[in-house]
Amino acid sequence: MMTKYKPVEIPNAAFIFCRYSITILIWLSLILKSIWLLEFVSLILIFSAILKVGKAPMIMLYKYTFNKIFKSDDVILNENAIRFAHIIGTIFSLICIAAIYIFNNNIGWYFVAGFGVLKTISALGFCPASKLYECTLNGQCCVRKKNGC
């Protein structure tokens, strides 16, 4: 049985670094029209989903470099929700890559722009994929503000 909430503790600055870095890489791939940069993002997201957030590549990079100099308070996250978000991010990145290779190059880059917008929303603290996970598994969906949300 899949647990709904599995806490994991990581440095808050590492989590922020991960969110912002991936977002910046997506936008750079769009600006530079760099498919390999988008493929790199996809690899990071795949490994993040496989290894889970506590051992995700960008988290580990920050933890063993910048966090040694700039100590950060820890944050407790729902490991399952973040893993789900990484899986969704991986799917989106693979759709973008496929769109670039299969369809007209310009159409594919429009997909990347959409992915960049979604990832920017996530980086700013409102992760739609994580919210979707919480909503579907925990029944914590707020559709109307009248319900106290």
C-alpha atoms as a PDB file:
ATOM      1  CA  MET A   1       0.000   0.000   0.000  1.00  0.00           C
ATOM      2  CA  MET A   2       1.300   3.434  -0.936  1.00  0.00           C
ATOM      3  CA  THR A   3       1.614   5.809   1.994  1.00  0.00           C
ATOM      4  CA  LYS A   4       0.158   9.244   1.476  1.00  0.00           C
ATOM      5  CA  TYR A   5       2.620  11.206   3.565  1.00  0.00           C
ATOM      6  CA  LYS A   6       6.252  10.235   3.942  1.00  0.00           C
ATOM      7  CA  PRO A   7       8.283  13.016   5.550  1.00  0.00           C
ATOM      8  CA  VAL A   8      11.803  13.744   4.405  1.00  0.00           C
ATOM      9  CA  GLU A   9      14.062  16.453   5.790  1.00  0.00           C
ATOM     10  CA  ILE A  10      16.378  18.407   3.508  1.00  0.00           C
ATOM     11  CA  PRO A  11      18.039  21.819   3.642  1.00  0.00           C
ATOM     12  CA  ASN A  12      15.504  24.441   2.560  1.00  0.00           C
ATOM     13  CA  ALA A  13      18.095  26.267   0.483  1.00  0.00           C
ATOM     14  CA  ALA A  14      18.866  23.018  -1.371  1.00  0.00           C
ATOM     15  CA  PHE A  15      15.186  22.619  -2.227  1.00  0.00           C
ATOM     16  CA  ILE A  16      15.025  26.217  -3.472  1.00  0.00           C
ATOM     17  CA  PHE A  17      18.273  25.727  -5.424  1.00  0.00           C
ATOM     18  CA  CYS A  18      16.826  22.641  -7.097  1.00  0.00           C
ATOM     19  CA  ARG A  19      13.571  24.347  -8.084  1.00  0.00           C
ATOM     20  CA  TYR A  20      15.249  27.489  -9.414  1.00  0.00           C
ATOM     21  CA  SER A  21      18.088  25.681 -11.203  1.00  0.00           C
ATOM     22  CA  ILE A  22      15.773  23.389 -13.143  1.00  0.00           C
ATOM     23  CA  THR A  23      13.552  26.342 -14.060  1.00  0.00           C
ATOM     24  CA  ILE A  24      16.537  28.380 -15.267  1.00  0.00           C
ATOM     25  CA  LEU A  25      17.820  25.439 -17.315  1.00  0.00           C
ATOM     26  CA  ILE A  26      14.431  25.030 -19.008  1.00  0.00           C
ATOM     27  CA  TRP A  27      14.267  28.712 -19.913  1.00  0.00           C
ATOM     28  CA  LEU A  28      17.900  28.664 -21.116  1.00  0.00           C
ATOM     29  CA  SER A  29      17.129  25.674 -23.327  1.00  0.00           C
ATOM     30  CA  LEU A  30      14.278  27.677 -24.870  1.00  0.00           C
ATOM     31  CA  ILE A  31      16.281  30.890 -25.285  1.00  0.00           C
ATOM     32  CA  LEU A  32      19.275  29.066 -26.768  1.00  0.00           C
ATOM     33  CA  LYS A  33      17.092  26.510 -28.615  1.00  0.00           C
ATOM     34  CA  SER A  34      19.307  23.861 -26.999  1.00  0.00           C
ATOM     35  CA  ILE A  35      17.844  20.376 -27.143  1.00  0.00           C
ATOM     36  CA  TRP A  36      20.773  18.919 -25.181  1.00  0.00           C
ATOM     37  CA  LEU A  37      20.055  21.298 -22.286  1.00  0.00           C
ATOM     38  CA  LEU A  38      16.445  20.107 -22.270  1.00  0.00           C
ATOM     39  CA  GLU A  39      17.671  16.499 -22.349  1.00  0.00           C
ATOM     40  CA  PHE A  40      19.923  17.309 -19.378  1.00  0.00           C
ATOM     41  CA  VAL A  41      16.873  18.643 -17.471  1.00  0.00           C
ATOM     42  CA  SER A  42      15.055  15.436 -18.320  1.00  0.00           C
ATOM     43  CA  LEU A  43      17.920  13.348 -16.926  1.00  0.00           C
ATOM     44  CA  ILE A  44      17.997  15.363 -13.711  1.00  0.00           C
ATOM     45  CA  LEU A  45      14.239  14.890 -13.288  1.00  0.00           C
ATOM     46  CA  ILE A  46      14.440  11.153 -14.057  1.00  0.00           C
ATOM     47  CA  PHE A  47      17.169  10.646 -11.467  1.00  0.00           C
ATOM     48  CA  SER A  48      15.294  12.832  -8.984  1.00  0.00           C
ATOM     49  CA  ALA A  49      12.220  10.631  -9.379  1.00  0.00           C
ATOM     50  CA  ILE A  50      14.226   7.416  -9.054  1.00  0.00           C
ATOM     51  CA  LEU A  51      16.412   8.521  -6.129  1.00  0.00           C
ATOM     52  CA  LYS A  52      13.651  10.555  -4.432  1.00  0.00           C
ATOM     53  CA  VAL A  53      14.050  14.101  -3.167  1.00  0.00           C
ATOM     54  CA  GLY A  54      16.441  13.297  -0.302  1.00  0.00           C
ATOM     55  CA  LYS A  55      19.081  12.058  -2.757  1.00  0.00           C
ATOM     56  CA  ALA A  56      18.069  13.997  -5.860  1.00  0.00           C
ATOM     57  CA  PRO A  57      21.046  15.232  -7.914  1.00  0.00           C
ATOM     58  CA  MET A  58      20.474  18.963  -7.381  1.00  0.00           C
ATOM     59  CA  ILE A  59      19.779  18.470  -3.659  1.00  0.00           C
ATOM     60  CA  MET A  60      22.977  16.461  -3.245  1.00  0.00           C
ATOM     61  CA  LEU A  61      24.961  19.026  -5.259  1.00  0.00           C
ATOM     62  CA  TYR A  62      23.819  21.833  -2.981  1.00  0.00           C
ATOM     63  CA  LYS A  63      24.142  19.766   0.192  1.00  0.00           C
ATOM     64  CA  TYR A  64      27.784  18.900  -0.421  1.00  0.00           C
ATOM     65  CA  THR A  65      28.905  22.250  -1.823  1.00  0.00           C
ATOM     66  CA  PHE A  66      27.036  25.452  -1.008  1.00  0.00           C
ATOM     67  CA  ASN A  67      25.433  24.137   2.188  1.00  0.00           C
ATOM     68  CA  LYS A  68      28.906  23.648   3.655  1.00  0.00           C
ATOM     69  CA  ILE A  69      29.431  27.412   3.412  1.00  0.00           C
ATOM     70  CA  PHE A  70      25.883  28.783   3.642  1.00  0.00           C
ATOM     71  CA  LYS A  71      24.111  26.662   6.246  1.00  0.00           C
ATOM     72  CA  SER A  72      20.375  26.386   5.757  1.00  0.00           C
ATOM     73  CA  ASP A  73      17.517  25.401   8.012  1.00  0.00           C
ATOM     74  CA  ASP A  74      15.889  22.128   7.104  1.00  0.00           C
ATOM     75  CA  VAL A  75      12.423  21.788   5.663  1.00  0.00           C
ATOM     76  CA  ILE A  76      10.197  18.738   5.939  1.00  0.00           C
ATOM     77  CA  LEU A  77       8.607  17.692   2.668  1.00  0.00           C
ATOM     78  CA  ASN A  78       6.262  14.947   1.564  1.00  0.00           C
ATOM     79  CA  GLU A  79       8.645  12.628  -0.274  1.00  0.00           C
ATOM     80  CA  ASN A  80       5.822  10.963  -2.200  1.00  0.00           C
ATOM     81  CA  ALA A  81       4.353  14.249  -3.421  1.00  0.00           C
ATOM     82  CA  ILE A  82       7.751  15.526  -4.578  1.00  0.00           C
ATOM     83  CA  ARG A  83       8.502  12.219  -6.288  1.00  0.00           C
ATOM     84  CA  PHE A  84       5.167  12.464  -8.101  1.00  0.00           C
ATOM     85  CA  ALA A  85       6.076  16.025  -9.146  1.00  0.00           C
ATOM     86  CA  HIS A  86       9.431  14.787 -10.497  1.00  0.00           C
ATOM     87  CA  ILE A  87       7.670  12.059 -12.469  1.00  0.00           C
ATOM     88  CA  ILE A  88       5.241  14.598 -13.953  1.00  0.00           C
ATOM     89  CA  GLY A  89       8.175  16.921 -14.750  1.00  0.00           C
ATOM     90  CA  THR A  90       9.974  14.044 -16.460  1.00  0.00           C
ATOM     91  CA  ILE A  91       6.890  13.291 -18.554  1.00  0.00           C
ATOM     92  CA  PHE A  92       6.539  16.955 -19.537  1.00  0.00           C
ATOM     93  CA  SER A  93      10.210  17.199 -20.486  1.00  0.00           C
ATOM     94  CA  LEU A  94       9.999  14.028 -22.586  1.00  0.00           C
ATOM     95  CA  ILE A  95       6.873  15.345 -24.326  1.00  0.00           C
ATOM     96  CA  CYS A  96       8.777  18.544 -25.134  1.00  0.00           C
ATOM     97  CA  ILE A  97      11.742  16.605 -26.497  1.00  0.00           C
ATOM     98  CA  ALA A  98       9.470  14.377 -28.579  1.00  0.00           C
ATOM     99  CA  ALA A  99       7.599  17.420 -29.911  1.00  0.00           C
ATOM    100  CA  ILE A 100      10.856  19.004 -31.023  1.00  0.00           C
ATOM    101  CA  TYR A 101      12.055  15.848 -32.795  1.00  0.00           C
ATOM    102  CA  ILE A 102       8.724  14.667 -34.244  1.00  0.00           C
ATOM    103  CA  PHE A 103       6.846  17.853 -35.101  1.00  0.00           C
ATOM    104  CA  ASN A 104       7.979  21.102 -36.546  1.00  0.00           C
ATOM    105  CA  ASN A 105      10.855  22.455 -34.483  1.00  0.00           C
ATOM    106  CA  ASN A 106       8.918  25.654 -33.669  1.00  0.00           C
ATOM    107  CA  ILE A 107       5.922  23.739 -32.317  1.00  0.00           C
ATOM    108  CA  GLY A 108       8.222  21.778 -30.011  1.00  0.00           C
ATOM    109  CA  TRP A 109       9.687  24.963 -28.588  1.00  0.00           C
ATOM    110  CA  TYR A 110       6.167  26.210 -27.819  1.00  0.00           C
ATOM    111  CA  PHE A 111       5.777  23.089 -25.687  1.00  0.00           C
ATOM    112  CA  VAL A 112       9.032  24.021 -23.927  1.00  0.00           C
ATOM    113  CA  ALA A 113       7.689  27.526 -23.272  1.00  0.00           C
ATOM    114  CA  GLY A 114       4.584  26.001 -21.666  1.00  0.00           C
ATOM    115  CA  PHE A 115       6.779  23.694 -19.605  1.00  0.00           C
ATOM    116  CA  GLY A 116       8.851  26.710 -18.558  1.00  0.00           C
ATOM    117  CA  VAL A 117       5.732  28.537 -17.375  1.00  0.00           C
ATOM    118  CA  LEU A 118       4.571  25.521 -15.338  1.00  0.00           C
ATOM    119  CA  LYS A 119       8.025  25.056 -13.833  1.00  0.00           C
ATOM    120  CA  THR A 120       8.248  28.767 -12.988  1.00  0.00           C
ATOM    121  CA  ILE A 121       4.962  28.473 -11.091  1.00  0.00           C
ATOM    122  CA  SER A 122       6.446  25.496  -9.245  1.00  0.00           C
ATOM    123  CA  ALA A 123       9.694  27.290  -8.515  1.00  0.00           C
ATOM    124  CA  LEU A 124       7.784  30.175  -6.981  1.00  0.00           C
ATOM    125  CA  GLY A 125       6.307  27.833  -4.404  1.00  0.00           C
ATOM    126  CA  PHE A 126       3.031  26.567  -5.856  1.00  0.00           C
ATOM    127  CA  CYS A 127       3.774  23.171  -7.340  1.00  0.00           C
ATOM    128  CA  PRO A 128       0.729  22.060  -9.359  1.00  0.00           C
ATOM    129  CA  ALA A 129       1.901  18.428  -9.509  1.00  0.00           C
ATOM    130  CA  SER A 130       2.449  18.246  -5.753  1.00  0.00           C
ATOM    131  CA  LYS A 131      -0.948  19.866  -5.158  1.00  0.00           C
ATOM    132  CA  LEU A 132      -2.547  17.362  -7.544  1.00  0.00           C
ATOM    133  CA  TYR A 133      -0.959  14.510  -5.577  1.00  0.00           C
ATOM    134  CA  GLU A 134      -2.254  15.885  -2.278  1.00  0.00           C
ATOM    135  CA  CYS A 135      -5.663  16.526  -3.809  1.00  0.00           C
ATOM    136  CA  THR A 136      -6.181  13.077  -5.277  1.00  0.00           C
ATOM    137  CA  LEU A 137      -4.734  10.942  -2.509  1.00  0.00           C
ATOM    138  CA  ASN A 138      -5.681  12.959   0.543  1.00  0.00           C
ATOM    139  CA  GLY A 139      -8.943  14.421  -0.672  1.00  0.00           C
ATOM    140  CA  GLN A 140      -7.689  17.923   0.114  1.00  0.00           C
ATOM    141  CA  CYS A 141      -9.087  19.512  -3.043  1.00  0.00           C
ATOM    142  CA  CYS A 142     -10.366  23.047  -2.796  1.00  0.00           C
ATOM    143  CA  VAL A 143     -12.546  23.889  -5.739  1.00  0.00           C
ATOM    144  CA  ARG A 144     -14.414  26.883  -4.356  1.00  0.00           C
ATOM    145  CA  LYS A 145     -13.310  29.479  -1.831  1.00  0.00           C
ATOM    146  CA  LYS A 146     -16.633  29.134   0.004  1.00  0.00           C
ATOM    147  CA  ASN A 147     -15.399  25.781   1.311  1.00  0.00           C
ATOM    148  CA  GLY A 148     -12.855  27.509   3.518  1.00  0.00           C
ATOM    149  CA  CYS A 149      -9.869  27.184   1.201  1.00  0.00           C
END
